[in-house]
């Protein structure tokens, strides 16, 4: 019966990995997780002109005769990956499609993900084929300040057409991955040589110096004498947005001392942070909770080594149980295939202390709130973007398949996985 249901749904959606344009849709699910209330049994989602028109039980939502009907066993909001490098990390894993790591300087906040994002890279379509409709993507956490992330739909048109927020967060990395170790440095077998920052203390000192420069730059720009005003400095202008709270810092930290350093630095400059990774979070839960900052938890299946040696498949569950807002991510590691699938990360978290509903929330409504896009996506509610994922069973079961993805009312049938 399950295979028949999957085949039926797939035939409705079509077999080509191409969008099937339809202005008006009705999605009928045996179970519809709206993430705005209790799950609906035999639910209906009506879509008109790329927006959700109505959501409710089949008995109370009439499907107009001219609406195209799609059916699935389970319907959820489109999934949201809260931290990725997809679109900068390409599927070929060759020099021409690897734009996620700029090595020329340890601090480059002026770099914008949107200037490198490839909407048509096959990895974008790959994650979409599992129901991922939105990603917060950018440069990898491999420098002290690696650049600015962008929030983008996985629709696969162009960066400008798909973007939601072109400058969402500024990525900072504390700990080993944020340190610059030159060839021949200790541990490589050659003579000792490092480029700054080579230690954690130097990293914080460099950040502090640049934030102080940004404050002074802001004051100088207000000088009455125009001749004394400085020329534009893109580097410092980005830091000013962090100082005024309009663009939060996404701070990748895994060791407990780096988490504490990030919180101390945020207090010093009154910054708004989103903590990222946090392998050692269970050691400093009280400090994280007291800060009020949310956490984009490390991928559940990330390899445990170096700064991530204490990560656990239970980290997400422990943070959630402590009342700390969380979202999940695919993140980045320097090996093929260059991206994970956040659906699978959520599935492992669900089975290891987080539970089904909180796990689904961590890649839908809670992720949307954390990214500041909760008014547009993350739940199936009237007026929101028509971003929907369709499955032939429990989406967290590996035997289930995504049979279709809808983004802004556009239907993609990339093939069941």
Protein backbone atom coordinates (compact mmCIF):
# COMPACT_ATOMS: atom_id res chain seq x y z
CA UNK A 1 0.00 0.00 0.00
CA UNK A 2 2.82 2.39 0.92
CA UNK A 3 4.63 1.82 -2.40
CA UNK A 4 1.39 2.31 -4.29
CA UNK A 5 0.79 5.56 -2.43
CA UNK A 6 4.31 6.77 -3.24
CA UNK A 7 3.94 5.91 -6.92
CA UNK A 8 0.54 7.62 -7.05
CA UNK A 9 1.93 10.80 -5.50
CA UNK A 10 4.95 10.75 -7.79
CA UNK A 11 2.79 10.41 -10.90
CA UNK A 12 0.78 13.40 -9.75
CA UNK A 13 3.93 15.44 -9.38
CA UNK A 14 5.63 14.31 -12.56
CA UNK A 15 8.95 12.53 -13.05
CA UNK A 16 11.21 15.28 -14.38
CA UNK A 17 13.53 17.23 -12.09
CA UNK A 18 11.95 20.42 -13.36
CA UNK A 19 9.48 22.86 -11.84
CA UNK A 20 5.85 22.29 -12.73
CA UNK A 21 4.28 25.73 -12.75
CA UNK A 22 0.79 26.03 -11.36
CA UNK A 23 -0.87 29.17 -10.07
CA UNK A 24 -3.45 27.35 -7.96
CA UNK A 25 -2.78 24.14 -6.02
CA UNK A 26 -4.47 21.96 -3.45
CA UNK A 27 -2.20 19.71 -1.41
CA UNK A 28 -4.01 16.89 0.38
CA UNK A 29 -2.14 15.04 3.11
CA UNK A 30 -3.10 12.08 5.24
CA UNK A 31 -1.18 13.99 7.94
CA UNK A 32 -0.41 17.70 7.63
CA UNK A 33 2.06 19.16 10.11
CA UNK A 34 1.23 22.87 9.94
CA UNK A 35 3.64 23.78 12.81
CA UNK A 36 1.02 26.35 13.81
CA UNK A 37 -1.00 23.95 15.94
CA UNK A 38 -1.83 20.27 16.16
CA UNK A 39 -1.20 18.10 13.11
CA UNK A 40 -4.21 17.69 10.83
CA UNK A 41 -5.50 14.30 9.78
CA UNK A 42 -6.73 14.35 6.19
CA UNK A 43 -5.70 17.99 5.83
CA UNK A 44 -5.74 20.36 2.89
CA UNK A 45 -3.42 23.24 1.97
CA UNK A 46 -4.75 25.61 -0.68
CA UNK A 47 -2.22 27.69 -2.63
CA UNK A 48 -2.96 30.66 -4.86
CA UNK A 49 -0.38 32.81 -6.64
CA UNK A 50 2.53 31.50 -4.59
CA UNK A 51 0.91 32.10 -1.20
CA UNK A 52 -1.01 29.85 1.19
CA UNK A 53 -4.69 30.65 0.83
CA UNK A 54 -6.19 28.28 3.40
CA UNK A 55 -5.26 25.34 5.64
CA UNK A 56 -7.60 22.97 7.42
CA UNK A 57 -9.31 19.58 7.55
CA UNK A 58 -10.64 18.28 4.26
CA UNK A 59 -14.17 18.55 5.58
CA UNK A 60 -13.90 22.30 6.10
CA UNK A 61 -11.72 23.39 3.15
CA UNK A 62 -13.38 23.21 -0.24
CA UNK A 63 -11.07 22.58 -3.17
CA UNK A 64 -12.10 24.70 -6.19
CA UNK A 65 -12.63 22.80 -9.40
CA UNK A 66 -9.78 24.53 -11.23
CA UNK A 67 -7.13 23.71 -8.60
CA UNK A 68 -4.50 21.09 -9.37
CA UNK A 69 -4.50 18.47 -6.62
CA UNK A 70 -1.36 16.85 -5.16
CA UNK A 71 -1.55 14.07 -2.58
CA UNK A 72 0.96 12.73 -0.09
CA UNK A 73 1.03 10.68 3.08
CA UNK A 74 2.75 13.43 5.11
CA UNK A 75 2.90 17.15 4.39
CA UNK A 76 5.17 19.59 6.23
CA UNK A 77 6.34 23.16 5.76
CA UNK A 78 9.38 23.42 3.51
CA UNK A 79 12.49 22.60 5.50
CA UNK A 80 14.96 25.34 6.52
CA UNK A 81 18.71 24.80 6.87
CA UNK A 82 19.92 27.39 9.39
CA UNK A 83 23.61 27.31 8.38
CA UNK A 84 25.02 25.93 5.16
CA UNK A 85 27.59 26.56 2.44
CA UNK A 86 25.51 25.10 -0.40
CA UNK A 87 25.61 27.32 -3.48
CA UNK A 88 29.17 28.34 -2.61
CA UNK A 89 30.33 24.74 -2.12
CA UNK A 90 29.69 23.09 -5.47
CA UNK A 91 28.95 19.50 -6.42
CA UNK A 92 32.12 18.99 -8.50
CA UNK A 93 34.49 19.64 -5.59
CA UNK A 94 36.87 21.36 -8.00
CA UNK A 95 38.50 24.78 -7.86
CA UNK A 96 35.91 26.43 -10.10
CA UNK A 97 32.98 25.63 -7.82
CA UNK A 98 34.55 26.01 -4.37
CA UNK A 99 33.95 29.61 -3.28
CA UNK A 100 33.24 28.96 0.39
CA UNK A 101 36.79 29.58 1.68
CA UNK A 102 38.65 32.84 1.03
CA UNK A 103 42.20 32.43 2.38
CA UNK A 104 43.71 35.85 1.67
CA UNK A 105 42.92 37.42 5.06
CA UNK A 106 41.72 36.26 8.48
CA UNK A 107 38.97 38.91 8.68
CA UNK A 108 36.83 39.76 5.68
CA UNK A 109 33.34 40.76 6.83
CA UNK A 110 32.86 42.65 3.57
CA UNK A 111 32.58 39.38 1.61
CA UNK A 112 28.96 38.73 0.62
CA UNK A 113 27.64 35.24 -0.04
CA UNK A 114 25.28 36.60 -2.68
CA UNK A 115 28.27 37.60 -4.83
CA UNK A 116 29.37 33.95 -5.05
CA UNK A 117 26.09 32.02 -4.75
CA UNK A 118 25.33 29.69 -7.67
CA UNK A 119 21.58 29.06 -7.66
CA UNK A 120 21.92 26.47 -10.42
CA UNK A 121 24.56 24.29 -8.78
CA UNK A 122 23.27 20.70 -8.64
CA UNK A 123 23.73 20.63 -4.86
CA UNK A 124 21.00 23.26 -4.53
CA UNK A 125 18.58 21.00 -6.40
CA UNK A 126 19.87 18.02 -4.41
CA UNK A 127 18.93 19.46 -1.01
CA UNK A 128 15.64 20.70 -2.48
CA UNK A 129 14.84 17.11 -3.48
CA UNK A 130 14.62 16.24 0.24
CA UNK A 131 12.17 19.05 0.98
CA UNK A 132 14.67 21.82 1.84
CA UNK A 133 13.22 25.08 0.55
CA UNK A 134 15.31 27.73 2.36
CA UNK A 135 18.96 27.95 3.46
CA UNK A 136 21.06 30.43 5.41
CA UNK A 137 24.24 29.96 3.41
CA UNK A 138 27.62 31.59 3.03
CA UNK A 139 31.35 31.22 3.47
CA UNK A 140 32.60 28.33 5.56
CA UNK A 141 33.56 28.80 9.23
CA UNK A 142 37.25 28.62 8.36
CA UNK A 143 38.40 32.15 9.24
CA UNK A 144 38.09 34.58 12.12
CA UNK A 145 35.53 36.54 10.08
CA UNK A 146 34.68 34.74 6.86
CA UNK A 147 31.94 36.97 5.43
CA UNK A 148 28.19 37.58 5.42
CA UNK A 149 25.56 34.91 4.98
CA UNK A 150 22.47 35.15 2.81
CA UNK A 151 19.03 33.60 3.27
CA UNK A 152 17.81 32.17 -0.01
CA UNK A 153 15.13 29.90 -1.42
CA UNK A 154 16.35 26.79 -3.24
CA UNK A 155 14.21 27.55 -6.27
CA UNK A 156 17.23 27.49 -8.58
CA UNK A 157 16.60 30.62 -10.65
CA UNK A 158 19.26 33.26 -9.90
CA UNK A 159 20.68 34.58 -6.64
CA UNK A 160 18.81 37.86 -7.06
CA UNK A 161 15.50 36.14 -7.78
CA UNK A 162 15.74 33.60 -4.95
CA UNK A 163 17.22 35.71 -2.16
CA UNK A 164 15.21 36.61 0.96
CA UNK A 165 17.93 38.47 2.85
CA UNK A 166 21.22 39.25 1.04
CA UNK A 167 23.09 40.16 4.24
CA UNK A 168 21.63 38.09 7.04
CA UNK A 169 24.51 37.51 9.47
CA UNK A 170 28.25 38.07 9.77
CA UNK A 171 30.14 34.81 10.30
CA UNK A 172 32.77 34.70 13.05
CA UNK A 173 34.71 31.59 14.05
CA UNK A 174 36.40 31.19 17.43
CA UNK A 175 38.60 28.21 18.19
CA UNK A 176 40.89 26.17 16.01
CA UNK A 177 38.99 26.68 12.74
CA UNK A 178 39.26 30.44 13.19
CA UNK A 179 43.02 30.36 13.64
CA UNK A 180 45.39 30.73 10.70
CA UNK A 181 47.99 27.98 10.58
CA UNK A 182 50.51 28.43 7.80
CA UNK A 183 52.26 25.63 5.95
CA UNK A 184 55.17 24.39 8.03
CA UNK A 185 53.55 25.38 11.32
CA UNK A 186 53.76 23.21 14.45
CA UNK A 187 52.26 19.81 13.85
CA UNK A 188 53.00 19.85 10.12
CA UNK A 189 56.58 18.62 10.40
CA UNK A 190 58.18 21.89 9.32
CA UNK A 191 59.58 24.94 11.08
CA UNK A 192 57.28 26.92 13.35
CA UNK A 193 55.39 29.62 11.44
CA UNK A 194 51.95 31.05 11.87
CA UNK A 195 49.94 33.95 10.59
CA UNK A 196 47.74 35.86 13.02
CA UNK A 197 45.61 34.85 14.72
CA UNK A 198 47.62 31.89 15.90
CA UNK A 199 46.00 31.63 19.33
CA UNK A 200 42.60 32.18 20.89
CA UNK A 201 43.77 35.27 22.79
CA UNK A 202 45.10 36.84 19.59
CA UNK A 203 41.78 36.15 17.83
CA UNK A 204 39.77 38.01 20.46
CA UNK A 205 42.32 40.83 20.52
CA UNK A 206 42.00 41.24 16.73
CA UNK A 207 38.23 41.30 16.94
CA UNK A 208 38.30 43.82 19.77
CA UNK A 209 40.66 46.12 17.87
CA UNK A 210 38.46 46.11 14.77
CA UNK A 211 35.25 46.75 16.68
CA UNK A 212 36.89 49.70 18.42
CA UNK A 213 37.98 50.98 15.01
CA UNK A 214 34.40 50.63 13.80
CA UNK A 215 33.12 52.76 16.69
CA UNK A 216 35.73 55.43 15.97
CA UNK A 217 34.89 55.26 12.25
CA UNK A 218 31.21 55.91 13.04
CA UNK A 219 32.13 58.95 15.13
CA UNK A 220 34.41 60.37 12.44
CA UNK A 221 31.69 60.01 9.82
CA UNK A 222 29.59 62.44 11.86
CA UNK A 223 32.25 65.17 11.83
CA UNK A 224 30.81 68.59 10.96
CA UNK A 225 33.80 69.30 8.76
CA UNK A 226 33.25 67.12 5.69
CA UNK A 227 36.96 67.21 4.89
CA UNK A 228 37.62 65.30 8.10
CA UNK A 229 35.16 62.53 7.36
CA UNK A 230 36.85 59.25 6.39
CA UNK A 231 36.33 57.54 3.08
CA UNK A 232 34.04 54.53 3.00
CA UNK A 233 35.39 51.38 4.62
CA UNK A 234 33.31 48.32 3.71
CA UNK A 235 35.01 46.22 6.38
CA UNK A 236 34.08 48.59 9.19
CA UNK A 237 30.61 49.29 7.82
CA UNK A 238 29.69 45.63 8.28
CA UNK A 239 30.96 45.71 11.86
CA UNK A 240 28.83 48.80 12.48
CA UNK A 241 25.75 46.77 11.60
CA UNK A 242 26.79 44.29 14.27
CA UNK A 243 27.27 47.12 16.76
CA UNK A 244 23.82 48.62 16.11
CA UNK A 245 22.17 45.20 16.20
CA UNK A 246 20.81 45.27 12.66
CA UNK A 247 22.98 42.33 11.52
CA UNK A 248 23.74 39.68 14.15
CA UNK A 249 26.99 37.79 14.40
CA UNK A 250 26.81 34.07 13.66
CA UNK A 251 29.60 32.86 15.94
CA UNK A 252 30.86 29.32 15.40
CA UNK A 253 32.16 28.06 18.74
CA UNK A 254 32.59 24.50 19.96
CA UNK A 255 34.87 24.38 22.99
CA UNK A 256 33.39 25.63 26.23
CA UNK A 257 36.08 28.32 26.68
CA UNK A 258 35.28 29.69 23.22
CA UNK A 259 31.55 29.77 24.02
CA UNK A 260 32.31 31.75 27.18
CA UNK A 261 34.67 34.08 25.26
CA UNK A 262 31.93 34.75 22.69
CA UNK A 263 29.44 35.62 25.43
CA UNK A 264 31.97 37.87 27.17
CA UNK A 265 32.78 39.66 23.90
CA UNK A 266 29.08 40.14 23.14
CA UNK A 267 28.55 41.69 26.56
CA UNK A 268 31.54 44.00 26.10
CA UNK A 269 30.22 45.44 22.83
CA UNK A 270 26.49 44.82 23.44
CA UNK A 271 26.21 42.57 20.41
CA UNK A 272 23.42 40.31 19.19
CA UNK A 273 24.73 36.77 18.64
CA UNK A 274 23.55 33.51 17.19
CA UNK A 275 25.76 30.76 18.59
CA UNK A 276 26.72 28.08 16.10
CA UNK A 277 28.05 24.56 16.61
CA UNK A 278 28.37 24.45 20.42
CA UNK A 279 29.70 20.90 20.82
CA UNK A 280 30.56 21.66 24.46
CA UNK A 281 27.21 23.34 25.15
CA UNK A 282 26.16 20.84 27.87
CA UNK A 283 29.15 22.03 29.94
CA UNK A 284 27.94 25.66 29.94
CA UNK A 285 24.16 25.38 29.56
CA UNK A 286 23.43 27.92 32.27
CA UNK A 287 25.64 30.57 30.68
CA UNK A 288 24.07 30.05 27.25
CA UNK A 289 20.55 30.20 28.64
CA UNK A 290 21.32 33.33 30.66
CA UNK A 291 22.63 35.06 27.52
CA UNK A 292 19.28 34.65 25.75
CA UNK A 293 21.07 33.81 22.50
CA UNK A 294 19.74 31.01 20.28
CA UNK A 295 21.91 28.13 19.05
CA UNK A 296 22.28 26.63 15.59
CA UNK A 297 23.35 23.20 16.81
CA UNK A 298 26.20 21.34 15.14
CA UNK A 299 25.12 18.68 12.63
CA UNK A 300 24.07 15.62 14.57
CA UNK A 301 26.32 13.35 12.50
CA UNK A 302 29.35 15.66 12.33
CA UNK A 303 32.67 13.95 12.94
CA UNK A 304 33.98 14.32 16.48
CA UNK A 305 37.57 15.51 16.44
CA UNK A 306 39.67 18.48 17.62
CA UNK A 307 37.32 21.22 18.88
CA UNK A 308 34.32 18.97 18.16
CA UNK A 309 35.60 16.02 20.19
CA UNK A 310 32.76 16.36 22.72
CA UNK A 311 29.89 16.68 20.28
CA UNK A 312 26.99 14.34 20.75
CA UNK A 313 23.87 13.21 18.94
CA UNK A 314 22.07 14.32 22.11
CA UNK A 315 23.26 17.95 22.09
CA UNK A 316 20.12 19.27 20.38
CA UNK A 317 17.87 17.46 22.83
CA UNK A 318 19.77 18.75 25.84
CA UNK A 319 19.66 22.36 24.64
CA UNK A 320 15.93 22.10 23.92
CA UNK A 321 15.26 20.56 27.32
CA UNK A 322 17.07 23.51 28.90
CA UNK A 323 14.70 25.93 27.15
CA UNK A 324 17.31 27.30 24.74
CA UNK A 325 15.97 28.17 21.25
CA UNK A 326 17.60 25.96 18.62
CA UNK A 327 17.71 25.25 14.92
CA UNK A 328 19.61 22.59 12.98
CA UNK A 329 22.07 22.88 10.12
CA UNK A 330 24.09 21.06 7.49
CA UNK A 331 27.25 23.15 8.15
CA UNK A 332 30.52 22.41 6.35
CA UNK A 333 33.39 19.97 6.34
CA UNK A 334 36.15 19.95 3.76
CA UNK A 335 35.34 16.68 2.09
CA UNK A 336 33.00 15.34 -0.59
CA UNK A 337 29.99 15.65 -1.00
CA UNK A 338 30.37 19.17 0.41
CA UNK A 339 26.92 19.28 1.96
CA UNK A 340 24.78 17.31 4.35
CA UNK A 341 21.01 17.09 4.29
CA UNK A 342 19.40 18.79 7.27
CA UNK A 343 16.46 16.37 7.10
CA UNK A 344 18.73 13.51 8.16
CA UNK A 345 20.39 15.57 10.89
CA UNK A 346 16.94 16.29 12.34
CA UNK A 347 15.97 12.63 12.12
CA UNK A 348 18.94 11.56 14.25
CA UNK A 349 18.25 14.35 16.76
CA UNK A 350 14.59 13.28 16.95
CA UNK A 351 15.64 9.74 17.87
CA UNK A 352 18.20 10.86 20.44
CA UNK A 353 16.45 13.03 22.95
CA UNK A 354 14.86 15.80 20.90
CA UNK A 355 11.65 14.05 19.85
CA UNK A 356 9.62 14.31 16.65
CA UNK A 357 7.79 17.61 17.06
CA UNK A 358 10.77 19.64 18.38
CA UNK A 359 13.01 18.13 15.69
CA UNK A 360 10.58 19.10 12.94
CA UNK A 361 10.26 22.57 14.48
CA UNK A 362 14.06 22.93 14.48
CA UNK A 363 14.07 22.74 10.68
CA UNK A 364 10.82 24.65 10.10
CA UNK A 365 9.12 27.15 12.40
CA UNK A 366 11.91 27.51 14.98
CA UNK A 367 14.55 27.91 12.28
CA UNK A 368 12.40 30.57 10.59
CA UNK A 369 12.08 32.52 13.83
CA UNK A 370 15.81 32.29 14.53
CA UNK A 371 16.59 33.61 11.03
CA UNK A 372 14.04 36.41 11.27
CA UNK A 373 11.83 35.10 8.46
CA UNK A 374 8.99 33.68 10.55
CA UNK A 375 6.53 36.08 8.98
CA UNK A 376 7.11 34.46 5.58
CA UNK A 377 7.87 30.80 6.07
CA UNK A 378 8.38 27.98 8.56
CA UNK A 379 4.72 27.06 9.05
CA UNK A 380 1.67 26.38 6.91
CA UNK A 381 -0.54 29.40 7.57
CA UNK A 382 -2.70 31.68 5.47
CA UNK A 383 -0.71 34.46 3.82
CA UNK A 384 2.71 32.82 4.14
CA UNK A 385 4.93 31.73 1.25
CA UNK A 386 3.74 28.48 -0.27
CA UNK A 387 6.79 26.41 0.74
CA UNK A 388 5.76 22.80 1.30
CA UNK A 389 7.44 19.38 1.48
CA UNK A 390 5.58 16.18 0.58
CA UNK A 391 6.58 12.71 1.83
CA UNK A 392 5.27 9.19 1.37
CA UNK A 393 5.72 8.43 5.07
CA UNK A 394 7.32 9.72 8.26
CA UNK A 395 9.95 12.16 6.92
CA UNK A 396 12.40 11.08 9.65
CA UNK A 397 12.27 7.43 8.62
CA UNK A 398 14.98 6.49 6.12
CA UNK A 399 12.53 4.26 4.25
CA UNK A 400 10.36 7.29 3.49
CA UNK A 401 10.84 9.47 0.41
CA UNK A 402 10.33 13.09 -0.46
CA UNK A 403 7.94 12.91 -3.41
CA UNK A 404 7.75 16.61 -4.14
CA UNK A 405 8.76 20.08 -3.00
CA UNK A 406 6.78 23.29 -3.47
CA UNK A 407 8.51 26.69 -3.30
CA UNK A 408 6.47 29.87 -3.69
CA UNK A 409 3.75 27.71 -5.24
CA UNK A 410 6.11 26.18 -7.81
CA UNK A 411 6.14 22.39 -7.80
CA UNK A 412 9.43 20.51 -8.10
CA UNK A 413 9.53 16.77 -8.66
CA UNK A 414 13.23 16.04 -8.35
CA UNK A 415 12.58 12.35 -7.86
CA UNK A 416 11.82 10.33 -4.71
CA UNK A 417 14.71 9.75 -2.26
